[in-house]
Amino acid sequence: MNESSFIHKNMAFGRCIYNLFSLQLFILFYSLKGFIIFGFFPAVAATFQVMYRWMVYREYDIVISKQFSIFYAENFWKANKIGWLLTGSALLLAGDLMISKQMIQSPIIHTVLVIVFIIFLLLGAYIFPVFVRYDYHSLFVYFKQSFFIGISSLPQSIAIFILGALLYKVFHWIPFVALFFGAPLLIGGISWFAFQGILKAEALKVAALDKKEEKRG
């Protein structure tokens, strides 16, 4: 490895660390700007948008602050609706799981609730990547697309859950990583696999349409 290559790689690594830390600060600032309750989900969605630009379009030189603030403002209420709808449903399911385990104690009901809860975790992983990729008028379509993409991209979906478990361990062992880079690391990891799943689903859809056209011809 020559000296210029070594310097270039070090500069790229330093820029990556700086960008991740910047995103951590933006998430915190814009969450507080919306009094956390209204600011958190738009800030998360804006972070996914930045990751989308980096990973899908390779736009590494975008101005993060500008991209973040524009997407945050333009999608403020839509991101809140999606985020709180998902969170509310997940909390209800978590409550049902606790009641089922402690009071009903039916293995069948408990298993069904666990499966439904896992599906909601899957929706949670894909919903914001789908949100930044597509522009739908109906919130239901975002959830439907997230479900179908998550199911049709099982390797990526499993990888997301494994990544979440690994990052949980890392954050537990090295708290300062979570403090300075936690949110963008998690969102970046989810984005990497989720966007792969989305592009895979799109390719399968195109292939199916091409096959249908061939049969017609």
N, C-alpha and C. Protein backbone atom coordinates (compact mmCIF):
# COMPACT_ATOMS: atom_id res chain seq x y z
N MET A 1 0.85 -1.20 0.00
CA MET A 1 0.00 0.00 0.00
C MET A 1 0.88 1.25 0.00
N ASN A 2 0.70 2.13 -0.99
CA ASN A 2 1.51 3.34 -1.03
C ASN A 2 0.95 4.40 -0.09
N GLU A 3 1.74 5.44 0.11
CA GLU A 3 1.39 6.45 1.11
C GLU A 3 0.12 7.20 0.75
N SER A 4 -0.04 7.54 -0.53
CA SER A 4 -1.22 8.30 -0.96
C SER A 4 -2.50 7.50 -0.76
N SER A 5 -2.43 6.19 -1.03
CA SER A 5 -3.59 5.33 -0.82
C SER A 5 -3.95 5.25 0.66
N PHE A 6 -2.93 5.15 1.50
CA PHE A 6 -3.14 5.09 2.95
C PHE A 6 -3.79 6.37 3.45
N ILE A 7 -3.30 7.51 2.97
CA ILE A 7 -3.85 8.81 3.37
C ILE A 7 -5.29 8.94 2.90
N HIS A 8 -5.55 8.50 1.67
CA HIS A 8 -6.91 8.58 1.11
C HIS A 8 -7.89 7.76 1.94
N LYS A 9 -7.48 6.56 2.33
CA LYS A 9 -8.35 5.69 3.13
C LYS A 9 -8.60 6.27 4.52
N ASN A 10 -7.56 6.86 5.10
CA ASN A 10 -7.72 7.49 6.40
C ASN A 10 -8.66 8.69 6.34
N MET A 11 -8.56 9.45 5.25
CA MET A 11 -9.44 10.61 5.08
C MET A 11 -10.89 10.15 4.89
N ALA A 12 -11.08 9.07 4.12
CA ALA A 12 -12.42 8.54 3.90
C ALA A 12 -13.02 8.03 5.21
N PHE A 13 -12.20 7.35 6.01
CA PHE A 13 -12.66 6.85 7.31
C PHE A 13 -13.01 8.01 8.23
N GLY A 14 -12.18 9.03 8.25
CA GLY A 14 -12.45 10.20 9.08
C GLY A 14 -13.72 10.91 8.67
N ARG A 15 -13.95 11.01 7.35
CA ARG A 15 -15.17 11.64 6.85
C ARG A 15 -16.40 10.83 7.24
N CYS A 16 -16.27 9.50 7.20
CA CYS A 16 -17.37 8.62 7.59
C CYS A 16 -17.73 8.81 9.06
N ILE A 17 -16.72 8.85 9.92
CA ILE A 17 -16.94 9.07 11.35
C ILE A 17 -17.60 10.43 11.59
N TYR A 18 -17.10 11.44 10.89
CA TYR A 18 -17.66 12.79 11.03
C TYR A 18 -19.13 12.82 10.60
N ASN A 19 -19.46 12.17 9.49
CA ASN A 19 -20.83 12.16 8.99
C ASN A 19 -21.77 11.44 9.95
N LEU A 20 -21.31 10.32 10.51
CA LEU A 20 -22.14 9.58 11.46
C LEU A 20 -22.39 10.40 12.72
N PHE A 21 -21.36 11.05 13.22
CA PHE A 21 -21.52 11.89 14.40
C PHE A 21 -22.44 13.08 14.11
N SER A 22 -22.32 13.64 12.90
CA SER A 22 -23.19 14.75 12.50
C SER A 22 -24.65 14.31 12.49
N LEU A 23 -24.90 13.13 11.95
CA LEU A 23 -26.27 12.61 11.92
C LEU A 23 -26.81 12.38 13.33
N GLN A 24 -25.96 11.89 14.22
CA GLN A 24 -26.37 11.71 15.62
C GLN A 24 -26.82 13.04 16.22
N LEU A 25 -26.07 14.09 15.94
CA LEU A 25 -26.42 15.42 16.45
C LEU A 25 -27.70 15.95 15.80
N PHE A 26 -27.85 15.72 14.49
CA PHE A 26 -29.05 16.18 13.80
C PHE A 26 -30.30 15.47 14.34
N ILE A 27 -30.19 14.17 14.58
CA ILE A 27 -31.32 13.42 15.13
C ILE A 27 -31.71 14.00 16.49
N LEU A 28 -30.72 14.27 17.32
CA LEU A 28 -30.99 14.83 18.65
C LEU A 28 -31.59 16.23 18.54
N PHE A 29 -30.99 17.08 17.71
CA PHE A 29 -31.45 18.47 17.59
C PHE A 29 -32.87 18.54 17.04
N TYR A 30 -33.13 17.82 15.95
CA TYR A 30 -34.45 17.90 15.32
C TYR A 30 -35.52 17.17 16.12
N SER A 31 -35.13 16.16 16.89
CA SER A 31 -36.08 15.53 17.81
C SER A 31 -36.51 16.53 18.87
N LEU A 32 -35.53 17.24 19.44
CA LEU A 32 -35.84 18.27 20.44
C LEU A 32 -36.62 19.43 19.82
N LYS A 33 -36.32 19.73 18.57
CA LYS A 33 -37.04 20.80 17.86
C LYS A 33 -38.53 20.50 17.79
N GLY A 34 -38.86 19.23 17.66
CA GLY A 34 -40.26 18.82 17.64
C GLY A 34 -40.74 18.33 18.99
N PHE A 35 -40.05 18.76 20.06
CA PHE A 35 -40.39 18.38 21.44
C PHE A 35 -40.40 16.85 21.62
N ILE A 36 -39.52 16.20 20.92
CA ILE A 36 -39.32 14.74 20.94
C ILE A 36 -40.54 13.99 20.43
N ILE A 37 -41.71 14.27 21.03
CA ILE A 37 -42.93 13.55 20.65
C ILE A 37 -43.22 13.72 19.16
N PHE A 38 -43.08 14.93 18.66
CA PHE A 38 -43.36 15.20 17.25
C PHE A 38 -42.10 15.26 16.38
N GLY A 39 -40.95 15.33 17.01
CA GLY A 39 -39.72 15.48 16.24
C GLY A 39 -38.96 14.21 15.95
N PHE A 40 -39.19 13.17 16.78
CA PHE A 40 -38.36 11.97 16.67
C PHE A 40 -38.54 11.25 15.34
N PHE A 41 -39.77 10.95 14.95
CA PHE A 41 -39.99 10.16 13.74
C PHE A 41 -39.60 10.91 12.46
N PRO A 42 -39.90 12.21 12.33
CA PRO A 42 -39.38 12.92 11.15
C PRO A 42 -37.86 12.95 11.10
N ALA A 43 -37.20 13.03 12.28
CA ALA A 43 -35.73 13.00 12.31
C ALA A 43 -35.20 11.65 11.87
N VAL A 44 -35.86 10.58 12.31
CA VAL A 44 -35.47 9.23 11.89
C VAL A 44 -35.66 9.07 10.39
N ALA A 45 -36.81 9.54 9.89
CA ALA A 45 -37.09 9.44 8.45
C ALA A 45 -36.05 10.22 7.64
N ALA A 46 -35.67 11.40 8.12
CA ALA A 46 -34.66 12.21 7.42
C ALA A 46 -33.30 11.51 7.40
N THR A 47 -32.98 10.79 8.47
CA THR A 47 -31.72 10.03 8.51
C THR A 47 -31.75 8.90 7.49
N PHE A 48 -32.89 8.22 7.38
CA PHE A 48 -33.03 7.18 6.36
C PHE A 48 -32.88 7.77 4.96
N GLN A 49 -33.38 8.99 4.77
CA GLN A 49 -33.26 9.65 3.47
C GLN A 49 -31.80 9.91 3.11
N VAL A 50 -31.03 10.38 4.09
CA VAL A 50 -29.60 10.61 3.86
C VAL A 50 -28.90 9.30 3.52
N MET A 51 -29.21 8.24 4.28
CA MET A 51 -28.62 6.93 4.00
C MET A 51 -29.01 6.44 2.61
N TYR A 52 -30.25 6.71 2.22
CA TYR A 52 -30.75 6.33 0.90
C TYR A 52 -29.93 6.99 -0.20
N ARG A 53 -29.63 8.27 -0.02
CA ARG A 53 -28.82 9.00 -1.00
C ARG A 53 -27.41 8.42 -1.08
N TRP A 54 -26.87 8.07 0.06
CA TRP A 54 -25.52 7.49 0.07
C TRP A 54 -25.48 6.10 -0.56
N MET A 55 -26.40 5.25 -0.15
CA MET A 55 -26.31 3.83 -0.49
C MET A 55 -26.86 3.47 -1.87
N VAL A 56 -27.92 4.15 -2.28
CA VAL A 56 -28.55 3.81 -3.56
C VAL A 56 -28.01 4.67 -4.69
N TYR A 57 -27.88 5.96 -4.46
CA TYR A 57 -27.43 6.87 -5.52
C TYR A 57 -25.95 7.24 -5.43
N ARG A 58 -25.27 6.76 -4.38
CA ARG A 58 -23.83 7.03 -4.20
C ARG A 58 -23.53 8.52 -4.16
N GLU A 59 -24.45 9.29 -3.59
CA GLU A 59 -24.26 10.74 -3.49
C GLU A 59 -23.56 11.06 -2.17
N TYR A 60 -22.28 10.83 -2.14
CA TYR A 60 -21.52 10.98 -0.90
C TYR A 60 -21.21 12.44 -0.56
N ASP A 61 -21.37 13.32 -1.53
CA ASP A 61 -21.01 14.72 -1.32
C ASP A 61 -22.21 15.62 -1.03
N ILE A 62 -23.36 15.03 -0.73
CA ILE A 62 -24.53 15.85 -0.42
C ILE A 62 -24.28 16.63 0.87
N VAL A 63 -24.92 17.79 0.96
CA VAL A 63 -24.85 18.59 2.19
C VAL A 63 -25.86 18.00 3.17
N ILE A 64 -25.36 17.32 4.18
CA ILE A 64 -26.23 16.58 5.09
C ILE A 64 -27.25 17.49 5.76
N SER A 65 -26.80 18.63 6.25
CA SER A 65 -27.70 19.54 6.97
C SER A 65 -28.87 19.99 6.09
N LYS A 66 -28.58 20.30 4.84
CA LYS A 66 -29.62 20.76 3.91
C LYS A 66 -30.58 19.63 3.57
N GLN A 67 -30.05 18.46 3.23
CA GLN A 67 -30.87 17.30 2.88
C GLN A 67 -31.76 16.92 4.06
N PHE A 68 -31.18 16.93 5.25
CA PHE A 68 -31.89 16.53 6.46
C PHE A 68 -33.04 17.50 6.76
N SER A 69 -32.74 18.79 6.76
CA SER A 69 -33.74 19.79 7.15
C SER A 69 -34.89 19.85 6.15
N ILE A 70 -34.60 19.73 4.86
CA ILE A 70 -35.65 19.78 3.84
C ILE A 70 -36.59 18.59 3.98
N PHE A 71 -36.03 17.39 4.10
CA PHE A 71 -36.87 16.19 4.21
C PHE A 71 -37.66 16.21 5.51
N TYR A 72 -37.05 16.66 6.58
CA TYR A 72 -37.71 16.77 7.88
C TYR A 72 -38.94 17.66 7.79
N ALA A 73 -38.79 18.82 7.17
CA ALA A 73 -39.89 19.78 7.07
C ALA A 73 -40.99 19.29 6.13
N GLU A 74 -40.60 18.75 4.98
CA GLU A 74 -41.58 18.35 3.97
C GLU A 74 -42.39 17.12 4.39
N ASN A 75 -41.82 16.28 5.22
CA ASN A 75 -42.49 15.02 5.58
C ASN A 75 -42.79 14.92 7.07
N PHE A 76 -42.88 16.07 7.72
CA PHE A 76 -43.04 16.11 9.18
C PHE A 76 -44.27 15.33 9.65
N TRP A 77 -45.43 15.68 9.13
CA TRP A 77 -46.66 15.06 9.63
C TRP A 77 -46.84 13.64 9.12
N LYS A 78 -46.42 13.40 7.90
CA LYS A 78 -46.55 12.06 7.34
C LYS A 78 -45.69 11.06 8.12
N ALA A 79 -44.46 11.46 8.44
CA ALA A 79 -43.56 10.60 9.21
C ALA A 79 -44.12 10.36 10.61
N ASN A 80 -44.73 11.38 11.20
CA ASN A 80 -45.34 11.21 12.52
C ASN A 80 -46.51 10.24 12.49
N LYS A 81 -47.34 10.34 11.46
CA LYS A 81 -48.47 9.42 11.35
C LYS A 81 -48.00 7.98 11.25
N ILE A 82 -47.02 7.74 10.39
CA ILE A 82 -46.49 6.39 10.21
C ILE A 82 -45.85 5.89 11.50
N GLY A 83 -45.00 6.73 12.10
CA GLY A 83 -44.28 6.32 13.29
C GLY A 83 -45.18 6.03 14.47
N TRP A 84 -46.15 6.89 14.72
CA TRP A 84 -47.01 6.69 15.88
C TRP A 84 -48.04 5.59 15.65
N LEU A 85 -48.47 5.41 14.41
CA LEU A 85 -49.37 4.29 14.11
C LEU A 85 -48.66 2.96 14.37
N LEU A 86 -47.42 2.87 13.93
CA LEU A 86 -46.64 1.65 14.14
C LEU A 86 -46.34 1.45 15.62
N THR A 87 -45.95 2.52 16.30
CA THR A 87 -45.62 2.43 17.73
C THR A 87 -46.83 2.05 18.57
N GLY A 88 -47.97 2.69 18.29
CA GLY A 88 -49.19 2.38 19.02
C GLY A 88 -49.61 0.93 18.85
N SER A 89 -49.53 0.44 17.63
CA SER A 89 -49.89 -0.96 17.36
C SER A 89 -48.93 -1.91 18.06
N ALA A 90 -47.64 -1.57 18.04
CA ALA A 90 -46.63 -2.42 18.69
C ALA A 90 -46.85 -2.46 20.20
N LEU A 91 -47.19 -1.32 20.80
CA LEU A 91 -47.45 -1.27 22.24
C LEU A 91 -48.68 -2.10 22.61
N LEU A 92 -49.71 -2.02 21.79
CA LEU A 92 -50.90 -2.84 22.03
C LEU A 92 -50.57 -4.33 21.96
N LEU A 93 -49.78 -4.71 20.97
CA LEU A 93 -49.38 -6.11 20.84
C LEU A 93 -48.51 -6.56 22.00
N ALA A 94 -47.60 -5.68 22.44
CA ALA A 94 -46.75 -6.01 23.59
C ALA A 94 -47.60 -6.21 24.84
N GLY A 95 -48.63 -5.35 25.01
CA GLY A 95 -49.55 -5.52 26.13
C GLY A 95 -50.32 -6.82 26.04
N ASP A 96 -50.78 -7.16 24.84
CA ASP A 96 -51.49 -8.43 24.64
C ASP A 96 -50.59 -9.62 24.96
N LEU A 97 -49.31 -9.52 24.58
CA LEU A 97 -48.35 -10.60 24.88
C LEU A 97 -48.18 -10.79 26.38
N MET A 98 -48.10 -9.69 27.13
CA MET A 98 -47.96 -9.78 28.58
C MET A 98 -49.20 -10.39 29.22
N ILE A 99 -50.37 -9.95 28.75
CA ILE A 99 -51.63 -10.50 29.28
C ILE A 99 -51.74 -11.98 28.96
N SER A 100 -51.38 -12.33 27.72
CA SER A 100 -51.44 -13.74 27.30
C SER A 100 -50.52 -14.61 28.13
N LYS A 101 -49.33 -14.11 28.41
CA LYS A 101 -48.34 -14.90 29.15
C LYS A 101 -48.71 -15.05 30.62
N GLN A 102 -49.25 -13.98 31.23
CA GLN A 102 -49.48 -13.99 32.67
C GLN A 102 -50.88 -14.45 33.06
N MET A 103 -51.87 -14.21 32.19
CA MET A 103 -53.25 -14.48 32.59
C MET A 103 -53.93 -15.56 31.74
N ILE A 104 -53.86 -15.43 30.42
CA ILE A 104 -54.56 -16.39 29.56
C ILE A 104 -53.81 -17.71 29.52
N GLN A 105 -52.49 -17.64 29.37
CA GLN A 105 -51.60 -18.81 29.38
C GLN A 105 -52.02 -19.89 28.37
N SER A 106 -52.36 -19.43 27.17
CA SER A 106 -52.69 -20.35 26.08
C SER A 106 -51.52 -20.37 25.10
N PRO A 107 -50.86 -21.52 24.93
CA PRO A 107 -49.70 -21.59 24.02
C PRO A 107 -50.05 -21.18 22.59
N ILE A 108 -51.24 -21.53 22.13
CA ILE A 108 -51.64 -21.22 20.75
C ILE A 108 -51.79 -19.71 20.57
N ILE A 109 -52.55 -19.08 21.49
CA ILE A 109 -52.76 -17.63 21.40
C ILE A 109 -51.44 -16.89 21.54
N HIS A 110 -50.60 -17.35 22.47
CA HIS A 110 -49.31 -16.70 22.69
C HIS A 110 -48.42 -16.81 21.46
N THR A 111 -48.42 -17.97 20.82
CA THR A 111 -47.62 -18.17 19.61
C THR A 111 -48.08 -17.26 18.48
N VAL A 112 -49.40 -17.16 18.32
CA VAL A 112 -49.97 -16.28 17.28
C VAL A 112 -49.56 -14.83 17.54
N LEU A 113 -49.65 -14.40 18.80
CA LEU A 113 -49.28 -13.03 19.14
C LEU A 113 -47.79 -12.77 18.91
N VAL A 114 -46.96 -13.76 19.21
CA VAL A 114 -45.51 -13.62 18.97
C VAL A 114 -45.24 -13.46 17.48
N ILE A 115 -45.93 -14.26 16.65
CA ILE A 115 -45.75 -14.17 15.19
C ILE A 115 -46.18 -12.79 14.68
N VAL A 116 -47.33 -12.32 15.17
CA VAL A 116 -47.82 -11.00 14.76
C VAL A 116 -46.84 -9.91 15.21
N PHE A 117 -46.28 -10.05 16.41
CA PHE A 117 -45.33 -9.07 16.91
C PHE A 117 -44.05 -9.05 16.07
N ILE A 118 -43.60 -10.22 15.64
CA ILE A 118 -42.42 -10.31 14.77
C ILE A 118 -42.70 -9.62 13.43
N ILE A 119 -43.92 -9.81 12.93
CA ILE A 119 -44.31 -9.14 11.68
C ILE A 119 -44.26 -7.62 11.85
N PHE A 120 -44.69 -7.14 13.02
CA PHE A 120 -44.64 -5.70 13.27
C PHE A 120 -43.20 -5.20 13.38
N LEU A 121 -42.32 -6.02 13.93
CA LEU A 121 -40.90 -5.65 13.95
C LEU A 121 -40.37 -5.55 12.52
N LEU A 122 -40.84 -6.46 11.68
CA LEU A 122 -40.44 -6.45 10.26
C LEU A 122 -40.94 -5.18 9.58
N LEU A 123 -42.18 -4.82 9.87
CA LEU A 123 -42.73 -3.57 9.33
C LEU A 123 -41.91 -2.38 9.81
N GLY A 124 -41.54 -2.41 11.09
CA GLY A 124 -40.75 -1.32 11.65
C GLY A 124 -39.40 -1.17 10.98
N ALA A 125 -38.82 -2.29 10.55
CA ALA A 125 -37.51 -2.26 9.89
C ALA A 125 -37.61 -1.69 8.48
N TYR A 126 -38.71 -1.97 7.78
CA TYR A 126 -38.81 -1.61 6.37
C TYR A 126 -39.63 -0.34 6.10
N ILE A 127 -40.42 0.09 7.07
CA ILE A 127 -41.39 1.15 6.78
C ILE A 127 -40.73 2.46 6.36
N PHE A 128 -39.66 2.88 7.02
CA PHE A 128 -39.03 4.15 6.64
C PHE A 128 -38.17 4.03 5.39
N PRO A 129 -37.46 2.91 5.16
CA PRO A 129 -36.82 2.74 3.85
C PRO A 129 -37.83 2.79 2.70
N VAL A 130 -38.99 2.16 2.88
CA VAL A 130 -40.05 2.22 1.87
C VAL A 130 -40.57 3.65 1.74
N PHE A 131 -40.68 4.33 2.87
CA PHE A 131 -41.18 5.71 2.89
C PHE A 131 -40.30 6.65 2.08
N VAL A 132 -38.98 6.49 2.19
CA VAL A 132 -38.08 7.40 1.46
C VAL A 132 -37.89 6.97 0.01
N ARG A 133 -38.23 5.72 -0.31
CA ARG A 133 -38.08 5.22 -1.68
C ARG A 133 -39.28 5.58 -2.55
N TYR A 134 -40.48 5.50 -1.97
CA TYR A 134 -41.71 5.69 -2.75
C TYR A 134 -42.51 6.88 -2.22
N ASP A 135 -43.42 7.34 -3.05
CA ASP A 135 -44.31 8.44 -2.67
C ASP A 135 -45.75 8.00 -2.86
N TYR A 136 -46.34 7.48 -1.79
CA TYR A 136 -47.72 7.01 -1.84
C TYR A 136 -48.62 8.01 -1.10
N HIS A 137 -49.87 8.07 -1.53
CA HIS A 137 -50.83 8.95 -0.86
C HIS A 137 -51.45 8.27 0.36
N SER A 138 -51.54 6.95 0.31
CA SER A 138 -52.17 6.20 1.39
C SER A 138 -51.12 5.60 2.33
N LEU A 139 -51.31 5.79 3.63
CA LEU A 139 -50.39 5.20 4.61
C LEU A 139 -50.47 3.68 4.57
N PHE A 140 -51.66 3.16 4.27
CA PHE A 140 -51.85 1.71 4.21
C PHE A 140 -50.91 1.08 3.19
N VAL A 141 -50.69 1.76 2.07
CA VAL A 141 -49.83 1.21 1.01
C VAL A 141 -48.39 1.08 1.51
N TYR A 142 -47.95 2.04 2.32
CA TYR A 142 -46.59 1.94 2.88
C TYR A 142 -46.45 0.68 3.74
N PHE A 143 -47.45 0.42 4.57
CA PHE A 143 -47.40 -0.76 5.42
C PHE A 143 -47.50 -2.04 4.60
N LYS A 144 -48.36 -2.02 3.59
CA LYS A 144 -48.51 -3.20 2.73
C LYS A 144 -47.22 -3.50 1.99
N GLN A 145 -46.61 -2.47 1.41
CA GLN A 145 -45.35 -2.65 0.69
C GLN A 145 -44.24 -3.15 1.62
N SER A 146 -44.19 -2.58 2.82
CA SER A 146 -43.17 -3.00 3.79
C SER A 146 -43.32 -4.47 4.14
N PHE A 147 -44.56 -4.91 4.30
CA PHE A 147 -44.82 -6.31 4.63
C PHE A 147 -44.38 -7.23 3.50
N PHE A 148 -44.80 -6.92 2.29
CA PHE A 148 -44.48 -7.79 1.15
C PHE A 148 -42.98 -7.81 0.85
N ILE A 149 -42.33 -6.66 0.95
CA ILE A 149 -40.89 -6.61 0.71
C ILE A 149 -40.14 -7.38 1.79
N GLY A 150 -40.57 -7.22 3.04
CA GLY A 150 -39.93 -7.94 4.14
C GLY A 150 -40.05 -9.44 4.00
N ILE A 151 -41.23 -9.91 3.57
CA ILE A 151 -41.46 -11.35 3.40
C ILE A 151 -40.70 -11.88 2.19
N SER A 152 -40.66 -11.11 1.11
CA SER A 152 -40.01 -11.58 -0.12
C SER A 152 -38.48 -11.45 -0.06
N SER A 153 -37.98 -10.79 0.97
CA SER A 153 -36.53 -10.60 1.11
C SER A 153 -36.07 -11.16 2.46
N LEU A 154 -36.35 -12.43 2.69
CA LEU A 154 -36.07 -13.03 4.00
C LEU A 154 -34.60 -12.98 4.41
N PRO A 155 -33.64 -13.23 3.50
CA PRO A 155 -32.23 -13.12 3.92
C PRO A 155 -31.89 -11.74 4.48
N GLN A 156 -32.38 -10.69 3.80
CA GLN A 156 -32.12 -9.33 4.27
C GLN A 156 -32.85 -9.06 5.59
N SER A 157 -34.08 -9.59 5.71
CA SER A 157 -34.86 -9.40 6.93
C SER A 157 -34.19 -10.07 8.12
N ILE A 158 -33.71 -11.28 7.92
CA ILE A 158 -33.01 -12.00 8.99
C ILE A 158 -31.73 -11.25 9.36
N ALA A 159 -31.03 -10.75 8.35
CA ALA A 159 -29.79 -10.00 8.59
C ALA A 159 -30.05 -8.75 9.43
N ILE A 160 -31.20 -8.10 9.22
CA ILE A 160 -31.54 -6.91 10.00
C ILE A 160 -31.70 -7.26 11.47
N PHE A 161 -32.39 -8.38 11.76
CA PHE A 161 -32.58 -8.80 13.14
C PHE A 161 -31.25 -9.18 13.80
N ILE A 162 -30.40 -9.87 13.05
CA ILE A 162 -29.08 -10.25 13.58
C ILE A 162 -28.25 -9.00 13.86
N LEU A 163 -28.30 -8.06 12.92
CA LEU A 163 -27.57 -6.80 13.09
C LEU A 163 -28.04 -6.07 14.35
N GLY A 164 -29.36 -6.02 14.54
CA GLY A 164 -29.91 -5.36 15.72
C GLY A 164 -29.39 -5.98 17.02
N ALA A 165 -29.35 -7.32 17.05
CA ALA A 165 -28.85 -8.02 18.23
C ALA A 165 -27.36 -7.73 18.46
N LEU A 166 -26.58 -7.73 17.38
CA LEU A 166 -25.14 -7.46 17.49
C LEU A 166 -24.86 -6.04 17.97
N LEU A 167 -25.60 -5.08 17.40
CA LEU A 167 -25.40 -3.69 17.81
C LEU A 167 -25.82 -3.47 19.26
N TYR A 168 -26.86 -4.18 19.70
CA TYR A 168 -27.28 -4.10 21.10
C TYR A 168 -26.14 -4.53 22.02
N LYS A 169 -25.45 -5.62 21.65
CA LYS A 169 -24.31 -6.10 22.43
C LYS A 169 -23.17 -5.07 22.42
N VAL A 170 -22.88 -4.54 21.23
CA VAL A 170 -21.80 -3.55 21.11
C VAL A 170 -22.10 -2.32 21.96
N PHE A 171 -23.35 -1.82 21.88
CA PHE A 171 -23.72 -0.63 22.66
C PHE A 171 -23.65 -0.91 24.16
N HIS A 172 -23.96 -2.15 24.54
CA HIS A 172 -23.91 -2.53 25.95
C HIS A 172 -22.46 -2.58 26.44
N TRP A 173 -21.57 -3.11 25.62
CA TRP A 173 -20.17 -3.25 25.99
C TRP A 173 -19.41 -1.93 25.89
N ILE A 174 -19.74 -1.14 24.85
CA ILE A 174 -19.02 0.12 24.62
C ILE A 174 -20.05 1.26 24.54
N PRO A 175 -20.51 1.76 25.68
CA PRO A 175 -21.59 2.76 25.71
C PRO A 175 -21.31 4.02 24.90
N PHE A 176 -20.04 4.44 24.82
CA PHE A 176 -19.75 5.70 24.11
C PHE A 176 -20.07 5.59 22.62
N VAL A 177 -20.02 4.35 22.07
CA VAL A 177 -20.39 4.15 20.67
C VAL A 177 -21.86 4.48 20.47
N ALA A 178 -22.69 4.02 21.41
CA ALA A 178 -24.12 4.32 21.35
C ALA A 178 -24.37 5.82 21.53
N LEU A 179 -23.60 6.43 22.42
CA LEU A 179 -23.79 7.84 22.73
C LEU A 179 -23.47 8.75 21.54
N PHE A 180 -22.39 8.45 20.83
CA PHE A 180 -21.93 9.33 19.76
C PHE A 180 -22.37 8.89 18.35
N PHE A 181 -22.62 7.59 18.17
CA PHE A 181 -22.91 7.08 16.82
C PHE A 181 -24.08 6.10 16.77
N GLY A 182 -24.75 5.87 17.90
CA GLY A 182 -25.73 4.79 17.99
C GLY A 182 -26.84 4.81 16.96
N ALA A 183 -27.57 5.92 16.88
CA ALA A 183 -28.72 5.99 15.98
C ALA A 183 -28.33 5.83 14.51
N PRO A 184 -27.35 6.60 14.00
CA PRO A 184 -26.99 6.42 12.59
C PRO A 184 -26.38 5.06 12.27
N LEU A 185 -25.69 4.43 13.23
CA LEU A 185 -25.17 3.08 13.00
C LEU A 185 -26.31 2.09 12.81
N LEU A 186 -27.32 2.17 13.70
CA LEU A 186 -28.47 1.27 13.59
C LEU A 186 -29.25 1.54 12.31
N ILE A 187 -29.55 2.81 12.05
CA ILE A 187 -30.31 3.18 10.86
C ILE A 187 -29.53 2.85 9.59
N GLY A 188 -28.21 3.06 9.63
CA GLY A 188 -27.38 2.72 8.47
C GLY A 188 -27.38 1.24 8.19
N GLY A 189 -27.28 0.42 9.24
CA GLY A 189 -27.31 -1.03 9.06
C GLY A 189 -28.64 -1.52 8.51
N ILE A 190 -29.73 -0.99 9.09
CA ILE A 190 -31.06 -1.35 8.59
C ILE A 190 -31.21 -0.92 7.13
N SER A 191 -30.75 0.30 6.83
CA SER A 191 -30.85 0.83 5.47
C SER A 191 -30.12 -0.06 4.47
N TRP A 192 -28.92 -0.49 4.82
CA TRP A 192 -28.11 -1.30 3.92
C TRP A 192 -28.85 -2.55 3.46
N PHE A 193 -29.43 -3.27 4.42
CA PHE A 193 -30.13 -4.50 4.07
C PHE A 193 -31.53 -4.23 3.51
N ALA A 194 -32.22 -3.22 4.06
CA ALA A 194 -33.58 -2.92 3.60
C ALA A 194 -33.59 -2.45 2.15
N PHE A 195 -32.66 -1.58 1.78
CA PHE A 195 -32.62 -1.10 0.40
C PHE A 195 -32.22 -2.22 -0.56
N GLN A 196 -31.38 -3.15 -0.10
CA GLN A 196 -31.10 -4.33 -0.92
C GLN A 196 -32.38 -5.13 -1.15
N GLY A 197 -33.17 -5.30 -0.08
CA GLY A 197 -34.43 -6.02 -0.20
C GLY A 197 -35.41 -5.32 -1.13
N ILE A 198 -35.47 -3.99 -1.04
CA ILE A 198 -36.37 -3.21 -1.89
C ILE A 198 -35.97 -3.35 -3.36
N LEU A 199 -34.69 -3.19 -3.65
CA LEU A 199 -34.21 -3.31 -5.03
C LEU A 199 -34.41 -4.72 -5.56
N LYS A 200 -34.25 -5.72 -4.69
CA LYS A 200 -34.49 -7.11 -5.08
C LYS A 200 -35.96 -7.32 -5.44
N ALA A 201 -36.86 -6.78 -4.61
CA ALA A 201 -38.29 -6.90 -4.88
C ALA A 201 -38.67 -6.21 -6.18
N GLU A 202 -38.07 -5.05 -6.43
CA GLU A 202 -38.34 -4.33 -7.68
C GLU A 202 -37.86 -5.13 -8.88
N ALA A 203 -36.69 -5.75 -8.76
CA ALA A 203 -36.15 -6.56 -9.86
C ALA A 203 -37.04 -7.77 -10.13
N LEU A 204 -37.55 -8.39 -9.07
CA LEU A 204 -38.45 -9.54 -9.24
C LEU A 204 -39.75 -9.11 -9.92
N LYS A 205 -40.23 -7.93 -9.57
CA LYS A 205 -41.46 -7.42 -10.18
C LYS A 205 -41.26 -7.15 -11.66
N VAL A 206 -40.13 -6.55 -12.01
CA VAL A 206 -39.81 -6.28 -13.42
C VAL A 206 -39.67 -7.58 -14.19
N ALA A 207 -39.01 -8.57 -13.60
CA ALA A 207 -38.83 -9.87 -14.26
C ALA A 207 -40.18 -10.55 -14.49
N ALA A 208 -41.08 -10.44 -13.51
CA ALA A 208 -42.41 -11.04 -13.65
C ALA A 208 -43.20 -10.37 -14.76
N LEU A 209 -43.09 -9.04 -14.85
CA LEU A 209 -43.79 -8.30 -15.91
C LEU A 209 -43.23 -8.64 -17.28
N ASP A 210 -41.90 -8.79 -17.37
CA ASP A 210 -41.27 -9.16 -18.64
C ASP A 210 -41.72 -10.54 -19.08
N LYS A 211 -41.82 -11.46 -18.12
CA LYS A 211 -42.26 -12.82 -18.44
C LYS A 211 -43.70 -12.81 -18.93
N LYS A 212 -44.52 -11.96 -18.30
CA LYS A 212 -45.92 -11.86 -18.71
C LYS A 212 -46.03 -11.30 -20.13
N GLU A 213 -45.19 -10.31 -20.43
CA GLU A 213 -45.19 -9.73 -21.77
C GLU A 213 -44.74 -10.75 -22.82
N GLU A 214 -43.77 -11.59 -22.45
CA GLU A 214 -43.29 -12.63 -23.37
C GLU A 214 -44.40 -13.63 -23.69
N LYS A 215 -45.18 -13.97 -22.67
CA LYS A 215 -46.28 -14.92 -22.88
C LYS A 215 -47.35 -14.32 -23.79
N ARG A 216 -47.60 -13.02 -23.63
CA ARG A 216 -48.58 -12.35 -24.48
C ARG A 216 -48.09 -12.30 -25.93
N GLY A 217 -46.75 -12.08 -26.06
CA GLY A 217 -46.18 -12.00 -27.41
C GLY A 217 -46.17 -13.34 -28.09
